[in-house]
Structures are given as structure tokens and as C-alpha cells.
Protein backbone atom coordinates (compact mmCIF):
# COMPACT_ATOMS: atom_id res chain seq x y z
CA MET A 1 9.88 -95.18 -181.93
CA SER A 2 12.36 -96.97 -179.65
CA ILE A 3 12.37 -100.77 -179.23
CA HIS A 4 13.73 -102.25 -176.05
CA LEU A 5 15.20 -105.74 -176.32
CA PHE A 6 15.86 -107.74 -173.15
CA LEU A 7 17.02 -111.30 -172.31
CA PHE A 8 14.14 -113.08 -170.62
CA LEU A 9 16.12 -114.81 -167.86
CA CYS A 10 18.81 -112.42 -166.76
CA LEU A 11 18.32 -112.36 -162.98
CA THR A 12 17.02 -114.89 -160.39
CA PRO A 13 13.31 -114.40 -159.73
CA GLN A 14 12.49 -113.09 -156.21
CA SER A 15 9.77 -114.43 -153.95
CA HIS A 16 8.03 -113.25 -150.62
CA THR A 17 5.70 -114.60 -148.11
CA PRO A 18 1.96 -113.87 -148.62
CA GLN A 19 -0.14 -112.42 -145.82
CA ARG A 20 -3.71 -113.62 -145.25
CA LEU A 21 -6.02 -110.68 -144.72
CA GLY A 22 -9.26 -112.65 -144.04
CA THR A 23 -12.35 -113.89 -145.93
CA LEU A 24 -15.07 -112.29 -148.00
CA GLU A 25 -17.93 -113.25 -145.71
CA GLU A 26 -20.66 -111.78 -147.79
CA VAL A 27 -19.59 -113.05 -151.18
CA LEU A 28 -20.43 -116.57 -152.43
CA GLN A 29 -19.05 -116.47 -155.90
CA PRO A 30 -16.75 -113.46 -156.72
CA GLN A 31 -16.25 -112.66 -160.42
CA LEU A 32 -13.42 -110.05 -160.06
CA ILE A 33 -11.61 -107.99 -157.42
CA LYS A 34 -10.02 -104.47 -157.55
CA VAL A 35 -8.13 -102.56 -154.95
CA HIS A 36 -7.79 -98.80 -154.85
CA GLY A 37 -6.66 -96.66 -151.85
CA GLN A 38 -7.66 -98.53 -148.75
CA GLU A 39 -10.58 -100.33 -150.23
CA LEU A 40 -11.14 -103.75 -151.92
CA PHE A 41 -13.92 -104.12 -154.44
CA ALA A 42 -15.41 -107.51 -155.19
CA VAL A 43 -18.08 -108.10 -157.86
CA GLU A 44 -20.76 -110.86 -157.58
CA ASP A 45 -23.52 -110.77 -160.04
CA HIS A 46 -25.22 -107.35 -160.00
CA GLU A 47 -23.50 -106.17 -156.89
CA ILE A 48 -20.30 -104.43 -156.00
CA PHE A 49 -19.10 -105.15 -152.45
CA ILE A 50 -16.73 -102.51 -150.95
CA TYR A 51 -14.46 -103.64 -148.10
CA SER A 52 -12.04 -101.62 -145.99
CA LEU A 53 -8.35 -102.62 -145.92
CA PRO A 54 -6.66 -104.32 -144.23
CA ASP A 55 -9.53 -105.54 -141.87
CA LEU A 56 -11.85 -106.56 -144.68
CA LYS A 57 -14.98 -105.00 -143.04
CA LEU A 58 -17.91 -104.58 -145.47
CA LYS A 59 -18.43 -100.81 -145.89
CA GLN A 60 -21.28 -100.88 -148.37
CA LYS A 61 -22.77 -102.56 -151.41
CA ILE A 62 -23.57 -100.58 -154.47
CA SER A 63 -25.43 -101.46 -157.77
CA ARG A 64 -28.36 -103.82 -157.85
CA ALA A 65 -30.52 -105.73 -160.24
CA GLY A 66 -33.23 -103.98 -162.20
CA GLU A 67 -33.87 -101.76 -165.25
CA GLY A 68 -33.92 -98.38 -163.45
CA PRO A 69 -31.23 -95.78 -162.69
CA GLY A 70 -28.24 -97.41 -161.00
CA GLU A 71 -29.48 -100.91 -161.86
CA PHE A 72 -28.26 -103.60 -164.21
CA THR A 73 -29.74 -106.61 -166.03
CA LEU A 74 -27.29 -109.47 -166.74
CA ASP A 75 -27.48 -112.37 -169.13
CA PRO A 76 -26.26 -115.82 -167.91
CA SER A 77 -22.81 -115.61 -169.64
CA ARG A 78 -21.87 -112.11 -168.39
CA SER A 79 -21.09 -110.41 -165.11
CA LEU A 80 -20.44 -106.81 -164.15
CA ASN A 81 -17.00 -105.36 -165.02
CA ILE A 82 -15.55 -102.45 -163.00
CA SER A 83 -12.62 -100.17 -162.94
CA VAL A 84 -11.88 -98.00 -159.91
CA HIS A 85 -10.38 -94.47 -160.26
CA ALA A 86 -9.53 -91.62 -157.88
CA ASN A 87 -12.93 -90.05 -157.99
CA SER A 88 -15.17 -92.64 -159.61
CA ILE A 89 -16.16 -96.32 -160.07
CA LEU A 90 -17.05 -97.28 -163.58
CA ALA A 91 -19.44 -100.36 -163.64
CA GLN A 92 -20.75 -101.93 -166.80
CA SER A 93 -22.97 -104.80 -168.04
CA ARG A 94 -23.33 -105.86 -171.66
CA THR A 95 -25.72 -103.01 -172.55
CA LYS A 96 -25.20 -100.32 -169.88
CA TYR A 97 -22.44 -98.32 -167.96
CA ILE A 98 -22.81 -96.41 -164.78
CA PHE A 99 -20.34 -93.96 -163.12
CA PHE A 100 -20.56 -93.94 -159.43
CA ASP A 101 -18.68 -91.57 -157.20
CA ARG A 102 -16.36 -93.18 -154.55
CA LYS A 103 -19.19 -92.97 -152.07
CA GLY A 104 -21.40 -95.16 -154.27
CA VAL A 105 -23.73 -92.38 -155.49
CA MET A 106 -24.67 -92.63 -159.09
CA GLN A 107 -23.26 -89.77 -161.25
CA ARG A 108 -24.34 -90.76 -164.75
CA GLU A 109 -25.20 -93.74 -166.97
CA GLY A 110 -25.32 -94.55 -170.65
CA ARG A 111 -26.05 -97.35 -173.10
CA LYS A 112 -23.49 -99.77 -174.55
CA ARG A 113 -23.59 -101.76 -177.73
CA THR A 114 -23.66 -105.48 -176.93
CA ALA A 115 -20.45 -106.06 -178.83
CA ILE A 116 -18.42 -103.95 -176.35
CA LEU A 117 -16.90 -106.15 -173.69
CA GLN A 118 -15.26 -103.31 -171.64
CA LEU A 119 -14.97 -99.53 -171.49
CA TYR A 120 -11.98 -97.88 -169.77
CA PRO A 121 -11.90 -94.09 -169.22
CA LEU A 122 -9.12 -92.25 -171.07
CA GLY A 123 -9.62 -88.51 -170.28
CA ASP A 124 -12.88 -87.64 -171.76
CA GLN A 125 -12.60 -90.62 -174.10
CA PHE A 126 -12.74 -94.38 -173.71
CA VAL A 127 -10.52 -97.36 -174.48
CA VAL A 128 -12.87 -99.93 -175.82
CA LEU A 129 -12.48 -103.67 -175.92
CA ARG A 130 -14.97 -105.18 -178.24
CA ILE A 131 -15.88 -108.07 -180.57
CA THR A 132 -15.57 -106.98 -184.17
CA ASN A 133 -16.86 -108.81 -187.25
CA GLY A 134 -14.51 -109.07 -190.21
CA GLU A 135 -14.76 -110.32 -193.70
CA GLY A 136 -16.47 -113.67 -194.33
CA GLY A 137 -18.08 -113.78 -190.84
CA ARG A 138 -14.76 -113.82 -188.97
CA GLN A 139 -14.84 -112.53 -185.43
CA TYR A 140 -12.00 -110.69 -183.55
CA PHE A 141 -11.20 -109.13 -180.34
CA SER A 142 -10.68 -105.42 -181.04
CA LEU A 143 -9.21 -102.64 -179.08
CA ASN A 144 -10.22 -99.09 -180.06
CA ILE A 145 -10.46 -95.53 -178.84
CA TYR A 146 -14.01 -94.09 -178.65
CA ASN A 147 -14.84 -90.45 -178.12
CA SER A 148 -17.16 -89.14 -175.39
CA GLU A 149 -20.14 -89.73 -177.70
CA MET A 150 -19.27 -93.49 -177.99
CA LYS A 151 -18.08 -93.00 -181.69
CA ASN A 152 -15.12 -94.99 -182.89
CA VAL A 153 -12.05 -92.82 -183.25
CA LYS A 154 -9.34 -95.44 -184.02
CA GLU A 155 -8.67 -99.11 -183.88
CA LEU A 156 -5.37 -100.02 -182.20
CA HIS A 157 -5.28 -103.76 -182.52
CA ARG A 158 -7.30 -106.83 -183.28
CA GLN A 159 -6.83 -110.66 -182.85
CA LYS A 160 -8.87 -113.84 -183.28
CA PHE A 161 -11.88 -114.40 -181.03
CA PHE A 162 -12.36 -117.88 -179.54
CA THR A 163 -14.74 -118.80 -182.37
CA PHE A 164 -13.42 -117.93 -185.83
CA LEU A 165 -15.33 -119.14 -188.89
CA SER A 166 -15.61 -122.90 -188.51
CA GLU A 167 -12.96 -122.97 -185.90
CA ILE A 168 -13.16 -123.20 -182.11
CA HIS A 169 -10.13 -122.19 -180.06
CA PRO A 170 -10.53 -123.87 -176.59
CA MET A 171 -7.26 -122.00 -175.49
CA PRO A 172 -7.83 -118.58 -176.86
CA ASP A 173 -5.39 -115.75 -176.35
CA PRO A 174 -7.52 -112.78 -174.99
CA LEU A 175 -6.56 -109.24 -175.87
CA ASN A 176 -5.22 -107.64 -172.69
CA PHE A 177 -4.36 -103.93 -172.04
CA CYS A 178 -3.84 -101.35 -169.42
CA VAL A 179 -3.66 -97.65 -169.09
CA VAL A 180 -0.80 -95.86 -167.32
CA ASN A 181 -0.39 -92.06 -167.34
CA ASN A 182 -2.85 -91.74 -170.20
CA GLN A 183 -0.85 -94.19 -172.32
CA ILE A 184 -2.50 -97.38 -173.57
CA TYR A 185 -0.31 -100.64 -173.21
CA VAL A 186 -1.44 -103.48 -175.46
CA GLU A 187 0.07 -106.91 -175.12
CA LYS A 188 0.42 -108.65 -178.48
CA SER A 189 1.46 -112.12 -177.34
CA VAL A 190 0.20 -113.75 -180.57
CA GLU A 191 3.32 -111.95 -182.06
CA GLY A 192 5.64 -112.99 -179.20
CA PHE A 193 6.67 -111.09 -176.13
CA GLN A 194 5.55 -107.67 -177.27
CA ILE A 195 3.66 -104.74 -175.59
CA ASP A 196 2.93 -101.86 -177.87
CA VAL A 197 2.37 -98.42 -176.37
CA TYR A 198 -0.15 -95.80 -177.79
CA ASN A 199 -0.87 -92.32 -176.70
CA ASP A 200 -4.32 -91.00 -176.13
CA ARG A 201 -4.70 -90.13 -179.87
CA GLY A 202 -4.00 -93.72 -180.72
CA ASP A 203 -0.52 -93.11 -182.13
CA LEU A 204 2.03 -95.86 -181.59
CA VAL A 205 4.83 -94.34 -179.54
CA ASP A 206 6.84 -97.30 -178.28
CA SER A 207 7.20 -101.09 -178.37
CA ILE A 208 8.48 -103.23 -175.64
CA GLN A 209 9.97 -106.60 -176.78
CA ARG A 210 11.82 -109.45 -175.08
CA ASP A 211 13.14 -112.84 -175.80
CA ALA A 212 10.89 -115.48 -174.14
CA PRO A 213 11.17 -119.27 -173.60
CA LYS A 214 8.70 -121.50 -175.52
CA ILE A 215 6.39 -123.54 -173.42
CA GLU A 216 4.83 -126.44 -175.29
CA VAL A 217 1.08 -127.07 -174.93
CA THR A 218 0.55 -130.48 -173.50
CA ASP A 219 -2.23 -132.95 -174.46
CA GLN A 220 -3.38 -132.88 -170.88
CA ALA A 221 -3.77 -129.03 -171.09
CA LYS A 222 -5.66 -129.37 -174.36
CA GLU A 223 -8.17 -131.85 -172.82
CA ALA A 224 -8.66 -129.66 -169.75
CA ALA A 225 -9.32 -126.56 -171.93
CA LEU A 226 -11.83 -128.50 -174.16
CA GLN A 227 -13.70 -129.75 -170.97
CA GLU A 228 -13.87 -126.18 -169.63
CA LEU A 229 -15.27 -124.88 -172.91
CA LEU A 230 -17.89 -127.69 -172.88
CA ASN A 231 -19.13 -126.36 -169.62
CA ILE A 232 -20.05 -122.76 -170.88
CA PRO A 233 -23.82 -121.93 -170.55
CA SER A 234 -24.56 -122.38 -174.30
CA MET A 235 -23.02 -125.92 -174.40
CA GLN A 236 -24.84 -126.81 -171.20
CA ARG A 237 -28.13 -125.80 -172.89
CA VAL A 238 -27.40 -127.94 -175.87
CA ARG A 239 -26.58 -130.85 -173.62
CA GLN A 240 -29.89 -130.41 -171.76
CA GLU A 241 -31.96 -130.03 -174.85
CA GLN A 242 -30.27 -132.44 -177.26
CA GLY A 243 -28.20 -134.67 -175.03
CA GLN A 244 -24.49 -135.40 -175.49
CA SER A 245 -25.08 -136.14 -179.23
CA GLY A 246 -25.89 -132.44 -179.73
CA VAL A 247 -22.60 -131.37 -178.20
CA THR A 248 -20.76 -133.96 -180.30
CA ALA A 249 -22.41 -132.74 -183.50
CA ILE A 250 -21.23 -129.21 -182.78
CA LEU A 251 -17.66 -130.40 -182.19
CA ASN A 252 -17.74 -132.59 -185.39
CA GLU A 253 -18.93 -129.65 -187.45
CA SER A 254 -16.05 -127.42 -186.21
CA LYS A 255 -12.28 -127.63 -186.17
CA GLN A 256 -10.72 -127.47 -182.67
CA VAL A 257 -7.64 -125.43 -182.95
CA TYR A 258 -4.78 -125.46 -180.35
CA PRO A 259 -1.60 -123.50 -180.29
CA ASP A 260 1.75 -125.40 -180.22
CA TYR A 261 3.05 -123.09 -177.46
CA VAL A 262 1.38 -121.09 -174.74
CA PRO A 263 1.70 -117.33 -175.21
CA PRO A 264 4.64 -115.60 -173.61
CA ILE A 265 2.26 -113.09 -171.86
CA ASP A 266 -0.87 -114.07 -169.90
CA ASN A 267 -1.87 -110.64 -168.62
CA ILE A 268 -0.62 -107.11 -167.94
CA ILE A 269 -1.65 -104.78 -165.16
CA GLY A 270 -0.72 -101.09 -164.91
CA ASP A 271 -0.16 -99.68 -161.44
CA ARG A 272 1.15 -96.03 -161.13
CA ASP A 273 4.22 -95.89 -163.48
CA ARG A 274 4.78 -99.60 -163.59
CA ILE A 275 3.61 -102.56 -165.81
CA TYR A 276 3.22 -105.92 -164.17
CA VAL A 277 3.40 -108.81 -166.70
CA LYS A 278 2.09 -112.23 -165.79
CA THR A 279 3.62 -115.06 -167.82
CA PHE A 280 2.78 -118.70 -168.18
CA GLN A 281 5.95 -119.88 -166.59
CA GLN A 282 4.97 -121.73 -163.39
CA THR A 283 6.86 -123.49 -160.66
CA ALA A 284 5.76 -125.26 -157.48
CA LYS A 285 5.85 -121.88 -155.71
CA GLY A 286 3.64 -119.95 -158.14
CA VAL A 287 3.70 -118.01 -161.42
CA ASN A 288 6.56 -115.91 -162.84
CA TRP A 289 5.78 -112.19 -163.14
CA LEU A 290 7.96 -109.35 -164.51
CA VAL A 291 7.85 -105.75 -163.23
CA LEU A 292 8.66 -103.17 -165.92
CA ASP A 293 8.80 -99.39 -165.78
CA ALA A 294 6.67 -97.39 -168.13
CA LYS A 295 9.51 -97.50 -170.82
CA GLY A 296 9.71 -101.29 -170.64
CA ARG A 297 12.87 -101.48 -168.61
CA ARG A 298 13.03 -104.51 -166.35
CA LEU A 299 12.88 -103.69 -162.64
CA LYS A 300 12.14 -107.13 -161.14
CA GLU A 301 11.26 -110.68 -161.80
CA THR A 302 9.28 -112.50 -159.05
CA ILE A 303 7.14 -115.55 -158.31
CA LEU A 304 3.62 -114.81 -157.13
CA PRO A 305 1.07 -117.38 -155.80
CA VAL A 306 -1.62 -118.59 -158.13
CA ALA A 307 -5.03 -117.05 -157.72
CA ALA A 308 -8.35 -118.65 -158.24
CA ARG A 309 -9.48 -118.65 -161.86
CA PRO A 310 -12.78 -117.13 -163.16
CA PRO A 311 -14.87 -119.31 -165.65
CA PHE A 312 -13.98 -119.51 -169.38
CA LEU A 313 -16.33 -116.88 -170.64
CA ILE A 314 -15.61 -114.31 -167.88
CA ARG A 315 -11.86 -114.43 -168.84
CA LEU A 316 -12.75 -113.22 -172.33
CA GLN A 317 -14.73 -110.21 -171.29
CA GLY A 318 -11.94 -107.82 -170.37
CA ASP A 319 -10.02 -107.19 -167.14
CA LYS A 320 -11.92 -109.70 -164.90
CA ASN A 321 -9.50 -111.44 -162.56
CA LEU A 322 -9.45 -112.71 -159.00
CA TYR A 323 -6.15 -110.89 -158.48
CA THR A 324 -4.90 -107.36 -158.94
CA VAL A 325 -2.00 -105.09 -158.18
CA HIS A 326 -2.18 -101.76 -156.36
CA ASP A 327 0.51 -99.54 -154.84
CA GLY A 328 3.06 -102.31 -155.34
CA THR A 329 1.06 -104.98 -153.60
CA TYR A 330 -0.36 -108.14 -155.18
CA TYR A 331 -3.82 -109.09 -153.88
CA TYR A 332 -5.42 -112.41 -154.76
CA LEU A 333 -8.33 -114.78 -153.85
CA LYS A 334 -8.08 -118.42 -152.92
CA ASN A 335 -11.14 -120.67 -152.52
CA THR A 336 -11.57 -123.40 -150.05
CA PRO A 337 -14.47 -125.86 -150.29
CA ASP A 338 -16.90 -125.74 -147.28
CA GLY A 339 -19.67 -128.29 -147.86
CA GLU A 340 -21.75 -127.01 -150.88
CA ASP A 341 -20.20 -123.50 -150.65
CA GLU A 342 -16.78 -122.06 -150.79
CA ILE A 343 -14.92 -119.82 -148.55
CA TRP A 344 -13.04 -117.06 -150.36
CA GLU A 345 -9.93 -115.95 -148.72
CA VAL A 346 -8.01 -112.73 -149.45
CA PHE A 347 -4.20 -112.67 -149.43
CA CYS A 348 -1.63 -109.99 -150.28
CA MET A 349 2.06 -109.85 -150.98
CA ALA A 350 4.41 -106.82 -151.38
CA LEU A 351 6.25 -106.71 -154.71
């Protein structure tokens, strides 16, 4: 196994000018976007909106609410997750997954265990992000390989969930991964700037490591994170049923745990034979990203605009973001208040 060590700040970051493509006229509250080929996919509740690029004309909507074939039921804290591939679209809820072809016709569907947050195709297998229970009631994010019969083959990595015994982590570090050329890239930012690479059998074949600056977590950031946590549906229900005293009791019975420093990696995205690494380094112009090749060699460092941010729980459910990278272009959403609603604008920037 080779280990690549890099200095974090070795070249000056590059930046470009974003291009506004238009608005998502039909979408009120997007939960994620993906781009593949000449199409942009936006998820809202049970539906997947498919737009043509670059004109953002709505081509069709697929998926719907219900319990029949091609339909999903959702609970309040979940939204659909999707991944888009050359010949298929994989959509999934908490309990069900459906493969559509690229024309939106359902191919097949199956059941999911509720602990599974995300499935991602890996040949005739799946990479599975799930919640795993450990000893003494501890909960973890866990990344596994499952076979075609949805049986666990191998666990690759696990790290603490946002609730852990009597602890609450208002600033959790989600487990992020991507798949490139049938290899699984797993960021292990709890251990520093580290991305481990596994083959489709789950064997560790490489490890990408870098030196990274430490960014302290401020008291202001801690307070903002706690307030966001208090707005999740379960906390809102406690507040409605028991008042603020019920929420206070929950906080008093648990220990709020904050990191001293933000993780060196916020997210990773695979695109063709490159890995795009989003860091927590931020300037007035945007967020610092690193572009690596499949072996972890640094190709570029660049500043990209900040995208709108999904709610707390959605960010813990796998690859659900209001930005994406495809064919070397960064696509992202910005929201602008318009009375009681918001206008969702789509921008892109060449990398």
C-alpha cells in the first residue's frame, strides 16, 4: 500500500467566475441536486425533477407518493436520495429502493432495512452507508459492501453517530464516500486529512494523506449548531407537546460534545477519474476545494462559491447536497427569499 504525503498549502488557490443558468421554477424546497450528461436532477419530497442543460427546461418528473410500484412513502425526517448512472437512476427512501432507466421507466425495486441511509451501486453489489449499533447501545455511521441479495459482505469503516450513548454531537462529522472506477474512496477526517481507497472486494489498496491546517471551532459556531439541532422534527415535537422545559430536560440529561477543531475534510465527490475534496477553509470568495487524481496526487486548489445548505438531518443521510461536480464543472444552488417562498437559482463554474 502506498501512502502519498502532501503539503496542504503549496500553490495559490485558483478561482473563476460563476455562470447563472436560471431558476428551478417547479421546485419549492430542493433536498439535493445531481448532474449527469446534459441533465440536472433535483429532488423534492417524493419527486425527482429532470431538467435539460443548460436551458433548465423541465423534461419530466418521475417517482411519486404512494405504496405501489414506482412509489415512495416518506417519514418527516427523511427525503429521497438518488444517484445517477449511465443507464439508470437509483432512488431510495428509508425502506425502499427503485431503479429507473434514464427515461424514467421503473426497472425494478426492492426493500431496504430502515438502518440503511444510502445504497450506491458497485457492479452487481452495493456500497452501503448505514447506522450500526455497537456495544452498550453506542451508534455509529458504518460503511459496508453488500452483495446483490443485500447481505453484508464486509465493513470498511465506522465512526460515531450524532447521538452516542448519553452524548449529543451538534457538530457531527458525517461519513462521506464516493466511487470512482469501481474503487471506494472513504474520507476519514476524524483521523486527520485521510482518504482510504478500497477495491470492490473491500481490500484497502491505498491511503491518501496530507498535512492540513487546524481551524478552531468558535463559540459562535457551537451556538449556531446547537440551535440547528433544536430545530429537527423530533425536538420540535417535544417543544410542541412539553414546551421549552421538555427540550431543556433532554439537554440536561445529555452531554453536548463539540470538537476543538473542524474536520480537515467536509466532503468528497468522485467525477470520472478525479476526487474533489471540499474543506472547511473559507474566505470572502467561497470555500477551498482540492482536486486530486485517482492516486491522490494534487492537481489543483480552487475557491468555489458556497451553496445553500440542507437541513441538519438531511446532511447525515448520505450524499445529499445542493451542489455537485460533473465533467469538471461545479453546479450549485442559491436561494433568494421571495415573500413566503424562495427562488432557487442554479449556477455553474468550470473547474
